[in-house]
Amino acid sequence: MLCFIPQLVAGPIERPQNLLHQFYEKHVFEYKSVVEGLKLMLWGFFIKLVVADRIGMYVDAVYNNSGNNGGKTLALATIFFAFQIYCDFAGYSSIAIGAAKVMGFKLMTNFKRPYFSSSIAEFWKRWHISLSTWFKDYLYISIGGNKVSIPRWYLNLFIVFVISGLWHGANWTFIIWGAINGFYLVFAIVTKNLRNKLSRLIYLDRVPRVNKILQISITFLLVCFSWIFFRANTTTDAFHIVKSIVSFSGSLFLDKTTIIFGLFAIAILLVIEFFQEYGSINFLSFKTKHWIIEHLAYSLLIILILLLGVFDGGQFIYFQF
């Protein structure tokens, strides 16, 4: 499995029972699989080169000099980093899954539009699915899972997230990041009934769409807050960034080209994922009776990669873990 080229070292983290038997099966050329695989790879290259690496230039410039940037700049950089790390890793996963599909292999889905999650629990069911399920099966269940007393259950959840932070690196920033997410999950469970009562009290339950938007927005902001500690170079930098964002002081550092192109690329990402999440159109298997429209859509994606892609953006973020 370590020599299986599409996966390299960043996943998806396949279980032996899902992958090993495929090495012994006969694989023949299938036009449909090759086309679907190439579409997945194309989408992966787009979100990696056009979204992640483009906005990553702004994130690096701000976070590597956080002491000289104000709250507005740091807030924008934090939001950008949320999309950078998602598109960087989801882009790699899409390329890996697509490359495997071209060769006739099937790998598991690793991301499922996590920023459309309406809770932290749902977010972690959509983010790096292969690793999240690994922690669940081999750590969470092993220490008792939810088959214990309620206080111990909360502790088990917290421990899993702290260890997942430590898994990313022996650095306090990662440990705090894991602890924050563990706290989010436990707090959500403890306050579930109270939040439901509050929702009924202010009649949010009568406007489910507004309630859904509010939940997605709050979840995204909570995740962005935790990403501060994941991205910051030191804990001192992280707390300074949090303080600056809360004060929302200073002027916005403007790199107009990067910001405009970055926002444009993020908009394309969100529109496509919105239709995948709520619509009947799946861009990655997009088909129409008008073949010209289909070919134009994918040709446009290639053109955007060539025009807006950053081809010297460095390695994938998760290669360092």
C-alpha atoms as a PDB file:
ATOM      1  CA  MET A   1       0.000   0.000   0.000  1.00  0.00           C
ATOM      2  CA  LEU A   2       2.910   2.341   0.716  1.00  0.00           C
ATOM      3  CA  CYS A   3       4.049   1.909  -2.892  1.00  0.00           C
ATOM      4  CA  PHE A   4       0.625   2.656  -4.346  1.00  0.00           C
ATOM      5  CA  ILE A   5       1.465   5.833  -6.288  1.00  0.00           C
ATOM      6  CA  PRO A   6      -1.907   7.694  -6.114  1.00  0.00           C
ATOM      7  CA  GLN A   7      -2.001   7.638  -2.313  1.00  0.00           C
ATOM      8  CA  LEU A   8       1.619   8.521  -1.547  1.00  0.00           C
ATOM      9  CA  VAL A   9       1.645   9.468   2.148  1.00  0.00           C
ATOM     10  CA  ALA A  10      -1.371  11.742   2.628  1.00  0.00           C
ATOM     11  CA  GLY A  11      -4.253   9.394   1.958  1.00  0.00           C
ATOM     12  CA  PRO A  12      -7.050   8.700   1.760  1.00  0.00           C
ATOM     13  CA  ILE A  13      -6.061   6.294   4.538  1.00  0.00           C
ATOM     14  CA  GLU A  14      -7.481   3.064   3.172  1.00  0.00           C
ATOM     15  CA  ARG A  15      -8.233  -0.019   5.245  1.00  0.00           C
ATOM     16  CA  PRO A  16      -6.571  -3.246   4.022  1.00  0.00           C
ATOM     17  CA  GLN A  17      -9.971  -4.912   3.557  1.00  0.00           C
ATOM     18  CA  ASN A  18     -11.000  -2.149   1.159  1.00  0.00           C
ATOM     19  CA  LEU A  19      -7.842  -1.947  -0.931  1.00  0.00           C
ATOM     20  CA  LEU A  20      -5.687  -5.089  -0.793  1.00  0.00           C
ATOM     21  CA  HIS A  21      -8.113  -7.296  -2.691  1.00  0.00           C
ATOM     22  CA  GLN A  22      -8.112  -4.771  -5.569  1.00  0.00           C
ATOM     23  CA  PHE A  23      -4.423  -5.506  -6.208  1.00  0.00           C
ATOM     24  CA  TYR A  24      -5.314  -9.118  -7.026  1.00  0.00           C
ATOM     25  CA  GLU A  25      -8.210  -8.278  -9.326  1.00  0.00           C
ATOM     26  CA  LYS A  26      -7.837  -7.957 -13.070  1.00  0.00           C
ATOM     27  CA  HIS A  27      -8.166  -4.350 -14.236  1.00  0.00           C
ATOM     28  CA  VAL A  28      -9.145  -3.629 -17.812  1.00  0.00           C
ATOM     29  CA  PHE A  29      -9.423  -0.318 -19.601  1.00  0.00           C
ATOM     30  CA  GLU A  30     -12.817   1.300 -18.992  1.00  0.00           C
ATOM     31  CA  TYR A  31     -13.470   4.533 -20.830  1.00  0.00           C
ATOM     32  CA  LYS A  32     -16.067   5.696 -18.309  1.00  0.00           C
ATOM     33  CA  SER A  33     -13.746   5.184 -15.319  1.00  0.00           C
ATOM     34  CA  VAL A  34     -10.868   6.944 -17.062  1.00  0.00           C
ATOM     35  CA  VAL A  35     -13.033   9.968 -17.903  1.00  0.00           C
ATOM     36  CA  GLU A  36     -14.474  10.170 -14.382  1.00  0.00           C
ATOM     37  CA  GLY A  37     -10.991   9.830 -12.922  1.00  0.00           C
ATOM     38  CA  LEU A  38      -9.618  12.604 -15.127  1.00  0.00           C
ATOM     39  CA  LYS A  39     -12.525  14.864 -14.121  1.00  0.00           C
ATOM     40  CA  LEU A  40     -11.719  14.268 -10.452  1.00  0.00           C
ATOM     41  CA  MET A  41      -8.058  15.055 -11.096  1.00  0.00           C
ATOM     42  CA  LEU A  42      -8.984  18.221 -13.000  1.00  0.00           C
ATOM     43  CA  TRP A  43     -11.136  19.411 -10.105  1.00  0.00           C
ATOM     44  CA  GLY A  44      -8.334  18.581  -7.676  1.00  0.00           C
ATOM     45  CA  PHE A  45      -5.807  20.596  -9.675  1.00  0.00           C
ATOM     46  CA  PHE A  46      -8.219  23.532  -9.817  1.00  0.00           C
ATOM     47  CA  ILE A  47      -8.866  23.792  -6.088  1.00  0.00           C
ATOM     48  CA  LYS A  48      -5.187  23.181  -5.299  1.00  0.00           C
ATOM     49  CA  LEU A  49      -3.545  25.504  -7.835  1.00  0.00           C
ATOM     50  CA  VAL A  50      -6.192  28.191  -8.285  1.00  0.00           C
ATOM     51  CA  VAL A  51      -7.754  28.332  -4.816  1.00  0.00           C
ATOM     52  CA  ALA A  52      -5.329  26.951  -2.208  1.00  0.00           C
ATOM     53  CA  ASP A  53      -2.029  28.174  -3.633  1.00  0.00           C
ATOM     54  CA  ARG A  54      -3.446  31.508  -4.785  1.00  0.00           C
ATOM     55  CA  ILE A  55      -4.878  32.522  -1.402  1.00  0.00           C
ATOM     56  CA  GLY A  56      -1.975  30.798   0.352  1.00  0.00           C
ATOM     57  CA  MET A  57       0.304  33.617  -0.758  1.00  0.00           C
ATOM     58  CA  TYR A  58      -1.811  36.091   1.209  1.00  0.00           C
ATOM     59  CA  VAL A  59      -2.057  33.779   4.231  1.00  0.00           C
ATOM     60  CA  ASP A  60       1.717  33.251   4.375  1.00  0.00           C
ATOM     61  CA  ALA A  61       2.470  36.948   4.010  1.00  0.00           C
ATOM     62  CA  VAL A  62       0.116  37.826   6.878  1.00  0.00           C
ATOM     63  CA  TYR A  63       0.632  34.932   9.311  1.00  0.00           C
ATOM     64  CA  ASN A  64       4.423  34.964   8.963  1.00  0.00           C
ATOM     65  CA  ASN A  65       4.369  38.623   9.946  1.00  0.00           C
ATOM     66  CA  SER A  66       1.363  38.598  12.274  1.00  0.00           C
ATOM     67  CA  GLY A  67       2.824  41.149  14.692  1.00  0.00           C
ATOM     68  CA  ASN A  68       2.762  43.868  12.043  1.00  0.00           C
ATOM     69  CA  ASN A  69      -0.760  43.235  10.764  1.00  0.00           C
ATOM     70  CA  GLY A  70      -4.058  44.481  12.140  1.00  0.00           C
ATOM     71  CA  GLY A  71      -7.211  42.612  13.057  1.00  0.00           C
ATOM     72  CA  LYS A  72      -8.975  43.101   9.722  1.00  0.00           C
ATOM     73  CA  THR A  73      -6.033  41.701   7.806  1.00  0.00           C
ATOM     74  CA  LEU A  74      -5.651  38.773  10.193  1.00  0.00           C
ATOM     75  CA  ALA A  75      -9.381  38.017  10.021  1.00  0.00           C
ATOM     76  CA  LEU A  76      -9.311  37.856   6.223  1.00  0.00           C
ATOM     77  CA  ALA A  77      -6.141  35.737   6.301  1.00  0.00           C
ATOM     78  CA  THR A  78      -7.802  33.332   8.746  1.00  0.00           C
ATOM     79  CA  ILE A  79     -10.835  32.901   6.503  1.00  0.00           C
ATOM     80  CA  PHE A  80      -8.502  32.444   3.549  1.00  0.00           C
ATOM     81  CA  PHE A  81      -6.552  29.803   5.462  1.00  0.00           C
ATOM     82  CA  ALA A  82      -9.760  27.871   6.144  1.00  0.00           C
ATOM     83  CA  PHE A  83     -10.221  27.549   2.394  1.00  0.00           C
ATOM     84  CA  GLN A  84      -6.505  27.090   1.726  1.00  0.00           C
ATOM     85  CA  ILE A  85      -6.100  24.040   3.945  1.00  0.00           C
ATOM     86  CA  TYR A  86      -9.393  22.571   2.741  1.00  0.00           C
ATOM     87  CA  CYS A  87      -8.641  23.029  -0.958  1.00  0.00           C
ATOM     88  CA  ASP A  88      -5.029  21.938  -0.528  1.00  0.00           C
ATOM     89  CA  PHE A  89      -5.917  18.644   1.131  1.00  0.00           C
ATOM     90  CA  ALA A  90      -9.214  18.015  -0.667  1.00  0.00           C
ATOM     91  CA  GLY A  91      -7.410  18.833  -3.904  1.00  0.00           C
ATOM     92  CA  TYR A  92      -4.757  16.226  -3.171  1.00  0.00           C
ATOM     93  CA  SER A  93      -7.431  13.669  -2.237  1.00  0.00           C
ATOM     94  CA  SER A  94      -9.361  14.356  -5.428  1.00  0.00           C
ATOM     95  CA  ILE A  95      -6.202  13.942  -7.526  1.00  0.00           C
ATOM     96  CA  ALA A  96      -5.307  10.722  -5.697  1.00  0.00           C
ATOM     97  CA  ILE A  97      -8.807   9.248  -5.992  1.00  0.00           C
ATOM     98  CA  GLY A  98      -8.995  10.293  -9.653  1.00  0.00           C
ATOM     99  CA  ALA A  99      -5.581   8.840 -10.512  1.00  0.00           C
ATOM    100  CA  ALA A 100      -6.546   5.569  -8.841  1.00  0.00           C
ATOM    101  CA  LYS A 101      -9.824   5.498 -10.747  1.00  0.00           C
ATOM    102  CA  VAL A 102      -8.007   5.947 -14.063  1.00  0.00           C
ATOM    103  CA  MET A 103      -6.077   2.771 -13.201  1.00  0.00           C
ATOM    104  CA  GLY A 104      -9.236   0.924 -12.178  1.00  0.00           C
ATOM    105  CA  PHE A 105      -8.935   1.266  -8.382  1.00  0.00           C
ATOM    106  CA  LYS A 106     -11.585   2.652  -6.065  1.00  0.00           C
ATOM    107  CA  LEU A 107     -10.548   4.743  -3.056  1.00  0.00           C
ATOM    108  CA  MET A 108     -12.875   6.080  -0.373  1.00  0.00           C
ATOM    109  CA  THR A 109     -14.213   9.619  -0.340  1.00  0.00           C
ATOM    110  CA  ASN A 110     -12.081  11.761   1.965  1.00  0.00           C
ATOM    111  CA  PHE A 111     -13.970  15.075   2.011  1.00  0.00           C
ATOM    112  CA  LYS A 112     -17.662  15.817   1.687  1.00  0.00           C
ATOM    113  CA  ARG A 113     -18.106  19.590   1.507  1.00  0.00           C
ATOM    114  CA  PRO A 114     -17.290  20.169   5.210  1.00  0.00           C
ATOM    115  CA  TYR A 115     -17.985  23.908   5.190  1.00  0.00           C
ATOM    116  CA  PHE A 116     -21.660  23.186   4.585  1.00  0.00           C
ATOM    117  CA  SER A 117     -21.827  21.439   7.976  1.00  0.00           C
ATOM    118  CA  SER A 118     -24.383  22.719  10.461  1.00  0.00           C
ATOM    119  CA  SER A 119     -22.507  21.467  13.540  1.00  0.00           C
ATOM    120  CA  ILE A 120     -18.976  20.600  14.656  1.00  0.00           C
ATOM    121  CA  ALA A 121     -19.924  16.922  14.900  1.00  0.00           C
ATOM    122  CA  GLU A 122     -21.113  16.989  11.298  1.00  0.00           C
ATOM    123  CA  PHE A 123     -17.971  18.851  10.245  1.00  0.00           C
ATOM    124  CA  TRP A 124     -15.756  16.045  11.530  1.00  0.00           C
ATOM    125  CA  LYS A 125     -17.883  13.483   9.693  1.00  0.00           C
ATOM    126  CA  ARG A 126     -17.155  15.373   6.459  1.00  0.00           C
ATOM    127  CA  TRP A 127     -13.513  16.406   7.024  1.00  0.00           C
ATOM    128  CA  HIS A 128     -10.625  13.962   6.335  1.00  0.00           C
ATOM    129  CA  ILE A 129     -13.104  11.113   6.629  1.00  0.00           C
ATOM    130  CA  SER A 130     -10.489   8.372   6.376  1.00  0.00           C
ATOM    131  CA  LEU A 131      -8.550   9.726   9.382  1.00  0.00           C
ATOM    132  CA  SER A 132     -11.628  10.659  11.412  1.00  0.00           C
ATOM    133  CA  THR A 133     -13.034   7.138  11.067  1.00  0.00           C
ATOM    134  CA  TRP A 134      -9.611   5.685  11.903  1.00  0.00           C
ATOM    135  CA  PHE A 135      -9.516   7.639  15.189  1.00  0.00           C
ATOM    136  CA  LYS A 136     -13.079   6.567  15.906  1.00  0.00           C
ATOM    137  CA  ASP A 137     -12.470   2.853  15.304  1.00  0.00           C
ATOM    138  CA  TYR A 138      -8.995   2.471  16.789  1.00  0.00           C
ATOM    139  CA  LEU A 139      -8.876   5.076  19.577  1.00  0.00           C
ATOM    140  CA  TYR A 140     -12.330   6.340  20.549  1.00  0.00           C
ATOM    141  CA  ILE A 141     -13.948   2.892  20.695  1.00  0.00           C
ATOM    142  CA  SER A 142     -10.826   1.361  22.279  1.00  0.00           C
ATOM    143  CA  ILE A 143     -11.014   3.704  25.285  1.00  0.00           C
ATOM    144  CA  GLY A 144     -14.705   3.043  25.773  1.00  0.00           C
ATOM    145  CA  GLY A 145     -16.446   5.335  23.291  1.00  0.00           C
ATOM    146  CA  ASN A 146     -19.919   6.229  24.583  1.00  0.00           C
ATOM    147  CA  LYS A 147     -20.377   2.894  26.371  1.00  0.00           C
ATOM    148  CA  VAL A 148     -19.281   4.466  29.634  1.00  0.00           C
ATOM    149  CA  SER A 149     -20.564   7.009  32.147  1.00  0.00           C
ATOM    150  CA  ILE A 150     -21.476  10.400  30.741  1.00  0.00           C
ATOM    151  CA  PRO A 151     -18.498  12.261  32.293  1.00  0.00           C
ATOM    152  CA  ARG A 152     -16.130   9.585  30.977  1.00  0.00           C
ATOM    153  CA  TRP A 153     -17.782   9.818  27.544  1.00  0.00           C
ATOM    154  CA  TYR A 154     -17.077  13.539  27.448  1.00  0.00           C
ATOM    155  CA  LEU A 155     -13.490  12.869  28.511  1.00  0.00           C
ATOM    156  CA  ASN A 156     -13.094  10.222  25.795  1.00  0.00           C
ATOM    157  CA  LEU A 157     -14.208  12.697  23.130  1.00  0.00           C
ATOM    158  CA  PHE A 158     -11.828  15.331  24.446  1.00  0.00           C
ATOM    159  CA  ILE A 159      -8.902  12.885  24.608  1.00  0.00           C
ATOM    160  CA  VAL A 160      -9.411  11.791  21.006  1.00  0.00           C
ATOM    161  CA  PHE A 161      -9.256  15.356  19.726  1.00  0.00           C
ATOM    162  CA  VAL A 162      -6.231  16.265  21.833  1.00  0.00           C
ATOM    163  CA  ILE A 163      -4.402  13.202  20.489  1.00  0.00           C
ATOM    164  CA  SER A 164      -5.477  14.079  16.948  1.00  0.00           C
ATOM    165  CA  GLY A 165      -3.852  17.473  17.497  1.00  0.00           C
ATOM    166  CA  LEU A 166      -0.688  15.803  18.771  1.00  0.00           C
ATOM    167  CA  TRP A 167      -0.761  13.525  15.708  1.00  0.00           C
ATOM    168  CA  HIS A 168      -0.255  16.605  13.533  1.00  0.00           C
ATOM    169  CA  GLY A 169       2.870  17.609  15.420  1.00  0.00           C
ATOM    170  CA  ALA A 170       4.498  17.872  18.851  1.00  0.00           C
ATOM    171  CA  ASN A 171       3.654  21.537  19.111  1.00  0.00           C
ATOM    172  CA  TRP A 172       1.377  23.321  21.566  1.00  0.00           C
ATOM    173  CA  THR A 173      -0.435  25.015  18.685  1.00  0.00           C
ATOM    174  CA  PHE A 174      -1.683  21.657  17.389  1.00  0.00           C
ATOM    175  CA  ILE A 175      -2.564  20.398  20.874  1.00  0.00           C
ATOM    176  CA  ILE A 176      -4.597  23.546  21.582  1.00  0.00           C
ATOM    177  CA  TRP A 177      -6.272  23.196  18.182  1.00  0.00           C
ATOM    178  CA  GLY A 178      -7.309  19.645  19.071  1.00  0.00           C
ATOM    179  CA  ALA A 179      -8.442  20.692  22.556  1.00  0.00           C
ATOM    180  CA  ILE A 180     -10.594  23.485  21.119  1.00  0.00           C
ATOM    181  CA  ASN A 181     -12.379  21.078  18.791  1.00  0.00           C
ATOM    182  CA  GLY A 182     -12.820  18.579  21.611  1.00  0.00           C
ATOM    183  CA  PHE A 183     -14.345  21.337  23.732  1.00  0.00           C
ATOM    184  CA  TYR A 184     -16.653  22.328  20.859  1.00  0.00           C
ATOM    185  CA  LEU A 185     -17.986  18.793  20.580  1.00  0.00           C
ATOM    186  CA  VAL A 186     -18.547  18.272  24.310  1.00  0.00           C
ATOM    187  CA  PHE A 187     -20.098  21.732  24.720  1.00  0.00           C
ATOM    188  CA  ALA A 188     -22.505  21.050  21.832  1.00  0.00           C
ATOM    189  CA  ILE A 189     -23.687  17.833  23.473  1.00  0.00           C
ATOM    190  CA  VAL A 190     -24.103  19.439  26.917  1.00  0.00           C
ATOM    191  CA  THR A 191     -26.048  22.427  25.585  1.00  0.00           C
ATOM    192  CA  LYS A 192     -28.135  20.617  22.955  1.00  0.00           C
ATOM    193  CA  ASN A 193     -31.451  20.803  24.848  1.00  0.00           C
ATOM    194  CA  LEU A 194     -30.845  24.408  25.876  1.00  0.00           C
ATOM    195  CA  ARG A 195     -30.100  25.418  22.291  1.00  0.00           C
ATOM    196  CA  ASN A 196     -33.230  23.663  21.046  1.00  0.00           C
ATOM    197  CA  LYS A 197     -35.327  25.534  23.617  1.00  0.00           C
ATOM    198  CA  LEU A 198     -33.744  28.836  22.614  1.00  0.00           C
ATOM    199  CA  SER A 199     -34.441  28.065  18.947  1.00  0.00           C
ATOM    200  CA  ARG A 200     -38.130  27.525  19.745  1.00  0.00           C
ATOM    201  CA  LEU A 201     -38.248  30.606  21.973  1.00  0.00           C
ATOM    202  CA  ILE A 202     -37.068  32.942  19.213  1.00  0.00           C
ATOM    203  CA  TYR A 203     -39.045  31.004  16.567  1.00  0.00           C
ATOM    204  CA  LEU A 204     -35.993  29.886  14.608  1.00  0.00           C
ATOM    205  CA  ASP A 205     -37.529  26.414  14.336  1.00  0.00           C
ATOM    206  CA  ARG A 206     -40.298  27.980  12.224  1.00  0.00           C
ATOM    207  CA  VAL A 207     -37.830  29.247   9.623  1.00  0.00           C
ATOM    208  CA  PRO A 208     -35.676  26.156   8.979  1.00  0.00           C
ATOM    209  CA  ARG A 209     -33.735  27.710   6.101  1.00  0.00           C
ATOM    210  CA  VAL A 210     -32.678  30.705   8.178  1.00  0.00           C
ATOM    211  CA  ASN A 211     -31.843  28.369  11.054  1.00  0.00           C
ATOM    212  CA  LYS A 212     -29.744  26.193   8.738  1.00  0.00           C
ATOM    213  CA  ILE A 213     -27.826  29.194   7.376  1.00  0.00           C
ATOM    214  CA  LEU A 214     -27.206  30.420  10.908  1.00  0.00           C
ATOM    215  CA  GLN A 215     -25.938  27.011  12.031  1.00  0.00           C
ATOM    216  CA  ILE A 216     -23.611  26.690   9.022  1.00  0.00           C
ATOM    217  CA  SER A 217     -22.265  30.211   9.588  1.00  0.00           C
ATOM    218  CA  ILE A 218     -21.618  29.652  13.301  1.00  0.00           C
ATOM    219  CA  THR A 219     -19.943  26.309  12.608  1.00  0.00           C
ATOM    220  CA  PHE A 220     -17.707  27.892   9.980  1.00  0.00           C
ATOM    221  CA  LEU A 221     -16.671  30.705  12.331  1.00  0.00           C
ATOM    222  CA  LEU A 222     -15.907  28.242  15.135  1.00  0.00           C
ATOM    223  CA  VAL A 223     -13.785  26.153  12.780  1.00  0.00           C
ATOM    224  CA  CYS A 224     -11.977  29.291  11.562  1.00  0.00           C
ATOM    225  CA  PHE A 225     -11.179  30.211  15.166  1.00  0.00           C
ATOM    226  CA  SER A 226      -9.577  26.821  15.765  1.00  0.00           C
ATOM    227  CA  TRP A 227      -7.615  27.093  12.503  1.00  0.00           C
ATOM    228  CA  ILE A 228      -5.815  30.127  13.982  1.00  0.00           C
ATOM    229  CA  PHE A 229      -3.927  27.833  16.351  1.00  0.00           C
ATOM    230  CA  PHE A 230      -3.320  25.265  13.623  1.00  0.00           C
ATOM    231  CA  ARG A 231      -1.719  27.826  11.294  1.00  0.00           C
ATOM    232  CA  ALA A 232       0.048  30.145  13.750  1.00  0.00           C
ATOM    233  CA  ASN A 233       3.792  29.631  14.056  1.00  0.00           C
ATOM    234  CA  THR A 234       3.704  29.821  17.872  1.00  0.00           C
ATOM    235  CA  THR A 235       1.123  29.982  20.634  1.00  0.00           C
ATOM    236  CA  THR A 236       2.209  33.574  21.293  1.00  0.00           C
ATOM    237  CA  ASP A 237       1.414  34.451  17.686  1.00  0.00           C
ATOM    238  CA  ALA A 238      -1.912  32.633  17.929  1.00  0.00           C
ATOM    239  CA  PHE A 239      -3.097  34.547  21.012  1.00  0.00           C
ATOM    240  CA  HIS A 240      -1.918  37.821  19.460  1.00  0.00           C
ATOM    241  CA  ILE A 241      -3.918  37.029  16.314  1.00  0.00           C
ATOM    242  CA  VAL A 242      -7.036  36.236  18.352  1.00  0.00           C
ATOM    243  CA  LYS A 243      -6.678  39.487  20.319  1.00  0.00           C
ATOM    244  CA  SER A 244      -6.169  41.508  17.143  1.00  0.00           C
ATOM    245  CA  ILE A 245      -9.164  39.953  15.385  1.00  0.00           C
ATOM    246  CA  VAL A 246     -11.410  40.609  18.396  1.00  0.00           C
ATOM    247  CA  SER A 247     -10.327  44.253  18.449  1.00  0.00           C
ATOM    248  CA  PHE A 248     -10.698  44.375  14.646  1.00  0.00           C
ATOM    249  CA  SER A 249      -8.098  47.122  14.607  1.00  0.00           C
ATOM    250  CA  GLY A 250      -5.805  48.402  11.888  1.00  0.00           C
ATOM    251  CA  SER A 251      -6.313  48.838   8.186  1.00  0.00           C
ATOM    252  CA  LEU A 252      -6.678  45.963   5.739  1.00  0.00           C
ATOM    253  CA  PHE A 253      -3.480  44.840   4.061  1.00  0.00           C
ATOM    254  CA  LEU A 254      -4.344  45.027   0.391  1.00  0.00           C
ATOM    255  CA  ASP A 255      -2.809  42.756  -2.165  1.00  0.00           C
ATOM    256  CA  LYS A 256      -5.591  43.512  -4.610  1.00  0.00           C
ATOM    257  CA  THR A 257      -4.639  40.940  -7.221  1.00  0.00           C
ATOM    258  CA  THR A 258      -4.394  38.072  -4.750  1.00  0.00           C
ATOM    259  CA  ILE A 259      -7.548  39.095  -2.878  1.00  0.00           C
ATOM    260  CA  ILE A 260      -9.687  39.560  -5.995  1.00  0.00           C
ATOM    261  CA  PHE A 261      -8.523  36.359  -7.683  1.00  0.00           C
ATOM    262  CA  GLY A 262      -8.760  34.502  -4.376  1.00  0.00           C
ATOM    263  CA  LEU A 263     -12.334  35.619  -3.729  1.00  0.00           C
ATOM    264  CA  PHE A 264     -13.240  34.789  -7.334  1.00  0.00           C
ATOM    265  CA  ALA A 265     -11.822  31.267  -6.992  1.00  0.00           C
ATOM    266  CA  ILE A 266     -13.537  30.708  -3.621  1.00  0.00           C
ATOM    267  CA  ALA A 267     -16.828  31.881  -5.154  1.00  0.00           C
ATOM    268  CA  ILE A 268     -16.515  29.289  -7.934  1.00  0.00           C
ATOM    269  CA  LEU A 269     -15.757  26.608  -5.344  1.00  0.00           C
ATOM    270  CA  LEU A 270     -18.766  27.519  -3.197  1.00  0.00           C
ATOM    271  CA  VAL A 271     -21.169  27.736  -6.133  1.00  0.00           C
ATOM    272  CA  ILE A 272     -20.159  24.301  -7.429  1.00  0.00           C
ATOM    273  CA  GLU A 273     -20.268  22.753  -3.953  1.00  0.00           C
ATOM    274  CA  PHE A 274     -23.634  24.405  -3.276  1.00  0.00           C
ATOM    275  CA  PHE A 275     -25.140  22.651  -6.293  1.00  0.00           C
ATOM    276  CA  GLN A 276     -23.485  19.400  -5.262  1.00  0.00           C
ATOM    277  CA  GLU A 277     -24.909  19.756  -1.755  1.00  0.00           C
ATOM    278  CA  TYR A 278     -28.405  21.015  -2.487  1.00  0.00           C
ATOM    279  CA  GLY A 279     -28.951  20.784  -6.227  1.00  0.00           C
ATOM    280  CA  SER A 280     -29.267  18.034  -8.762  1.00  0.00           C
ATOM    281  CA  ILE A 281     -26.103  18.966 -10.651  1.00  0.00           C
ATOM    282  CA  ASN A 282     -22.878  17.165  -9.819  1.00  0.00           C
ATOM    283  CA  PHE A 283     -20.067  18.996 -11.566  1.00  0.00           C
ATOM    284  CA  LEU A 284     -17.739  16.007 -11.397  1.00  0.00           C
ATOM    285  CA  SER A 285     -20.210  13.863 -13.339  1.00  0.00           C
ATOM    286  CA  PHE A 286     -21.714  16.751 -15.280  1.00  0.00           C
ATOM    287  CA  LYS A 287     -23.494  15.568 -18.415  1.00  0.00           C
ATOM    288  CA  THR A 288     -25.901  17.265 -20.762  1.00  0.00           C
ATOM    289  CA  LYS A 289     -27.560  16.540 -24.060  1.00  0.00           C
ATOM    290  CA  HIS A 290     -25.671  19.537 -25.396  1.00  0.00           C
ATOM    291  CA  TRP A 291     -22.148  18.119 -25.482  1.00  0.00           C
ATOM    292  CA  ILE A 292     -20.757  21.536 -26.410  1.00  0.00           C
ATOM    293  CA  ILE A 293     -21.807  22.954 -23.020  1.00  0.00           C
ATOM    294  CA  GLU A 294     -20.218  20.021 -21.208  1.00  0.00           C
ATOM    295  CA  HIS A 295     -16.929  20.416 -23.057  1.00  0.00           C
ATOM    296  CA  LEU A 296     -16.959  24.187 -22.582  1.00  0.00           C
ATOM    297  CA  ALA A 297     -17.382  23.761 -18.815  1.00  0.00           C
ATOM    298  CA  TYR A 298     -14.318  21.563 -18.473  1.00  0.00           C
ATOM    299  CA  SER A 299     -12.362  23.632 -20.991  1.00  0.00           C
ATOM    300  CA  LEU A 300     -13.105  26.736 -18.909  1.00  0.00           C
ATOM    301  CA  LEU A 301     -11.751  24.968 -15.840  1.00  0.00           C
ATOM    302  CA  ILE A 302      -8.516  24.156 -17.678  1.00  0.00           C
ATOM    303  CA  ILE A 303      -8.206  27.773 -18.851  1.00  0.00           C
ATOM    304  CA  LEU A 304      -8.713  29.055 -15.287  1.00  0.00           C
ATOM    305  CA  ILE A 305      -5.989  26.700 -14.049  1.00  0.00           C
ATOM    306  CA  LEU A 306      -3.572  27.940 -16.706  1.00  0.00           C
ATOM    307  CA  LEU A 307      -4.415  31.610 -16.151  1.00  0.00           C
ATOM    308  CA  LEU A 308      -4.874  31.795 -12.393  1.00  0.00           C
ATOM    309  CA  GLY A 309      -3.034  28.743 -11.116  1.00  0.00           C
ATOM    310  CA  VAL A 310       0.058  29.165  -8.945  1.00  0.00           C
ATOM    311  CA  PHE A 311       2.539  26.566 -10.143  1.00  0.00           C
ATOM    312  CA  ASP A 312       5.281  27.275  -7.615  1.00  0.00           C
ATOM    313  CA  GLY A 313       3.119  27.081  -4.516  1.00  0.00           C
ATOM    314  CA  GLY A 314       5.146  24.320  -2.905  1.00  0.00           C
ATOM    315  CA  GLN A 315       4.163  20.909  -1.612  1.00  0.00           C
ATOM    316  CA  PHE A 316       0.824  19.871  -0.174  1.00  0.00           C
ATOM    317  CA  ILE A 317       0.297  21.072   3.398  1.00  0.00           C
ATOM    318  CA  TYR A 318      -0.447  17.608   4.776  1.00  0.00           C
ATOM    319  CA  PHE A 319       2.835  16.198   3.498  1.00  0.00           C
ATOM    320  CA  GLN A 320       4.451  17.688   6.610  1.00  0.00           C
ATOM    321  CA  PHE A 321       2.381  15.591   9.010  1.00  0.00           C
END
